[in-house]
Structure formats: C-alpha cells, structure tokens
Amino acid sequence: MSTKIDDWLLEILACPKSKAPLRYDEDANELVCDESGLAYPVRDGIPVLLVDEARKVA
C-alpha cells in the first residue's frame, strides 16, 4: 500500500547517515537517499528513518 508523502515533509527530512535530502519513491514506498545509497521504508504513512531499517540501493 503506497502513501503520498507531503512535499513540506520531504523538505525537512534528511538522511540520518549522510544528512542529505531524501526523495520519495512512490512505487517502492520508500524514502531514498542518493548520496548514501540507502532507502528507508514508509510504514503506515510514517517514515522509518533508522539506518538499521534501511536497505542498500544499487
């Protein structure tokens, strides 16, 4: 189930590892950091910004 992340929220969220901005991947329902190469899940509309919960992206 995909959830839309509000633009204002994306503007203030940052990757906890690199502190870089995140982009929302609607198909995967994840917040992706291109700098660190990590994707953070969004569960029940809530971003889980824990490095231990992130997966590496290619």
N, C-alpha and C. Protein backbone atom coordinates (compact mmCIF):
# COMPACT_ATOMS: atom_id res chain seq x y z
N MET A 1 0.83 -1.18 0.00
CA MET A 1 0.00 0.00 0.00
C MET A 1 0.88 1.24 0.00
N SER A 2 0.70 2.10 -0.96
CA SER A 2 1.51 3.29 -1.12
C SER A 2 0.84 4.48 -0.44
N THR A 3 1.65 5.32 0.15
CA THR A 3 1.18 6.52 0.82
C THR A 3 1.91 7.71 0.23
N LYS A 4 1.21 8.79 -0.02
CA LYS A 4 1.85 10.00 -0.52
C LYS A 4 2.50 10.75 0.64
N ILE A 5 3.75 11.12 0.45
CA ILE A 5 4.47 11.92 1.44
C ILE A 5 4.32 13.38 1.02
N ASP A 6 3.87 14.21 1.93
CA ASP A 6 3.67 15.63 1.63
C ASP A 6 5.00 16.31 1.28
N ASP A 7 4.91 17.25 0.34
CA ASP A 7 6.11 17.97 -0.10
C ASP A 7 6.77 18.72 1.04
N TRP A 8 5.98 19.32 1.93
CA TRP A 8 6.57 20.08 3.04
C TRP A 8 7.36 19.17 3.96
N LEU A 9 6.92 17.91 4.10
CA LEU A 9 7.65 16.96 4.94
C LEU A 9 8.97 16.56 4.28
N LEU A 10 8.94 16.34 2.97
CA LEU A 10 10.17 16.00 2.26
C LEU A 10 11.21 17.11 2.35
N GLU A 11 10.75 18.34 2.43
CA GLU A 11 11.67 19.48 2.52
C GLU A 11 12.45 19.50 3.83
N ILE A 12 11.88 18.93 4.90
CA ILE A 12 12.56 18.98 6.20
C ILE A 12 13.24 17.68 6.59
N LEU A 13 12.89 16.58 5.92
CA LEU A 13 13.51 15.30 6.24
C LEU A 13 14.88 15.19 5.60
N ALA A 14 15.78 14.49 6.27
CA ALA A 14 17.13 14.26 5.75
C ALA A 14 17.56 12.85 6.13
N CYS A 15 18.48 12.34 5.36
CA CYS A 15 19.04 11.02 5.65
C CYS A 15 19.79 11.08 6.98
N PRO A 16 19.51 10.16 7.90
CA PRO A 16 20.21 10.20 9.19
C PRO A 16 21.71 9.87 9.07
N LYS A 17 22.09 9.20 8.00
CA LYS A 17 23.51 8.85 7.83
C LYS A 17 24.30 9.97 7.17
N SER A 18 23.81 10.48 6.02
CA SER A 18 24.57 11.47 5.26
C SER A 18 24.09 12.91 5.46
N LYS A 19 22.91 13.07 6.04
CA LYS A 19 22.27 14.38 6.23
C LYS A 19 21.84 15.01 4.90
N ALA A 20 21.84 14.23 3.82
CA ALA A 20 21.43 14.70 2.50
C ALA A 20 19.90 14.63 2.38
N PRO A 21 19.34 15.37 1.43
CA PRO A 21 17.89 15.32 1.21
C PRO A 21 17.44 13.94 0.75
N LEU A 22 16.17 13.65 0.99
CA LEU A 22 15.57 12.39 0.58
C LEU A 22 14.57 12.64 -0.53
N ARG A 23 14.39 11.65 -1.39
CA ARG A 23 13.34 11.72 -2.41
C ARG A 23 12.40 10.54 -2.17
N TYR A 24 11.14 10.74 -2.52
CA TYR A 24 10.14 9.70 -2.28
C TYR A 24 9.98 8.84 -3.52
N ASP A 25 10.15 7.54 -3.37
CA ASP A 25 9.92 6.57 -4.43
C ASP A 25 8.54 5.97 -4.18
N GLU A 26 7.55 6.45 -4.93
CA GLU A 26 6.16 6.05 -4.70
C GLU A 26 5.95 4.57 -5.00
N ASP A 27 6.62 4.05 -6.04
CA ASP A 27 6.45 2.63 -6.41
C ASP A 27 6.92 1.70 -5.30
N ALA A 28 8.05 2.03 -4.68
CA ALA A 28 8.60 1.19 -3.62
C ALA A 28 8.11 1.61 -2.23
N ASN A 29 7.45 2.77 -2.14
CA ASN A 29 7.00 3.33 -0.87
C ASN A 29 8.17 3.48 0.09
N GLU A 30 9.22 4.16 -0.40
CA GLU A 30 10.44 4.37 0.37
C GLU A 30 10.94 5.79 0.17
N LEU A 31 11.71 6.24 1.14
CA LEU A 31 12.45 7.48 1.02
C LEU A 31 13.88 7.11 0.69
N VAL A 32 14.39 7.65 -0.40
CA VAL A 32 15.70 7.24 -0.92
C VAL A 32 16.69 8.38 -0.77
N CYS A 33 17.88 8.04 -0.31
CA CYS A 33 18.99 8.99 -0.25
C CYS A 33 19.99 8.57 -1.33
N ASP A 34 20.14 9.41 -2.34
CA ASP A 34 21.07 9.10 -3.43
C ASP A 34 22.52 9.21 -2.97
N GLU A 35 22.80 10.03 -1.99
CA GLU A 35 24.17 10.22 -1.52
C GLU A 35 24.68 9.00 -0.74
N SER A 36 23.88 8.49 0.17
CA SER A 36 24.31 7.35 0.99
C SER A 36 23.95 6.00 0.36
N GLY A 37 23.04 6.03 -0.64
CA GLY A 37 22.63 4.78 -1.28
C GLY A 37 21.72 3.93 -0.40
N LEU A 38 20.95 4.59 0.47
CA LEU A 38 20.04 3.88 1.35
C LEU A 38 18.60 4.26 1.05
N ALA A 39 17.71 3.30 1.25
CA ALA A 39 16.27 3.52 1.09
C ALA A 39 15.59 3.18 2.41
N TYR A 40 14.82 4.14 2.91
CA TYR A 40 14.14 4.00 4.19
C TYR A 40 12.66 3.68 3.94
N PRO A 41 12.12 2.69 4.63
CA PRO A 41 10.72 2.32 4.40
C PRO A 41 9.75 3.34 4.98
N VAL A 42 8.57 3.36 4.40
CA VAL A 42 7.45 4.16 4.94
C VAL A 42 6.39 3.15 5.34
N ARG A 43 6.12 3.07 6.63
CA ARG A 43 5.15 2.10 7.15
C ARG A 43 3.94 2.83 7.73
N ASP A 44 2.78 2.49 7.22
CA ASP A 44 1.53 3.12 7.67
C ASP A 44 1.62 4.64 7.60
N GLY A 45 2.28 5.14 6.55
CA GLY A 45 2.39 6.57 6.35
C GLY A 45 3.47 7.24 7.17
N ILE A 46 4.25 6.46 7.92
CA ILE A 46 5.27 7.02 8.81
C ILE A 46 6.66 6.61 8.30
N PRO A 47 7.51 7.60 7.97
CA PRO A 47 8.87 7.27 7.54
C PRO A 47 9.68 6.67 8.69
N VAL A 48 10.33 5.56 8.42
CA VAL A 48 11.18 4.90 9.42
C VAL A 48 12.63 5.26 9.07
N LEU A 49 13.12 6.32 9.69
CA LEU A 49 14.45 6.83 9.37
C LEU A 49 15.51 6.29 10.31
N LEU A 50 15.63 4.98 10.30
CA LEU A 50 16.65 4.29 11.09
C LEU A 50 17.60 3.59 10.13
N VAL A 51 18.90 3.84 10.27
CA VAL A 51 19.87 3.24 9.37
C VAL A 51 19.77 1.72 9.41
N ASP A 52 19.49 1.14 10.57
CA ASP A 52 19.37 -0.31 10.69
C ASP A 52 18.17 -0.88 9.92
N GLU A 53 17.16 -0.04 9.66
CA GLU A 53 15.97 -0.47 8.94
C GLU A 53 16.07 -0.22 7.43
N ALA A 54 17.07 0.55 7.01
CA ALA A 54 17.23 0.91 5.61
C ALA A 54 17.82 -0.26 4.82
N ARG A 55 17.53 -0.21 3.50
CA ARG A 55 18.16 -1.20 2.63
C ARG A 55 19.07 -0.46 1.65
N LYS A 56 20.12 -1.13 1.19
CA LYS A 56 21.02 -0.55 0.22
C LYS A 56 20.37 -0.60 -1.15
N VAL A 57 20.53 0.48 -1.91
CA VAL A 57 20.02 0.53 -3.27
C VAL A 57 21.19 0.56 -4.25
N ALA A 58 20.94 0.05 -5.43
CA ALA A 58 22.03 -0.05 -6.42
C ALA A 58 22.41 1.30 -6.97
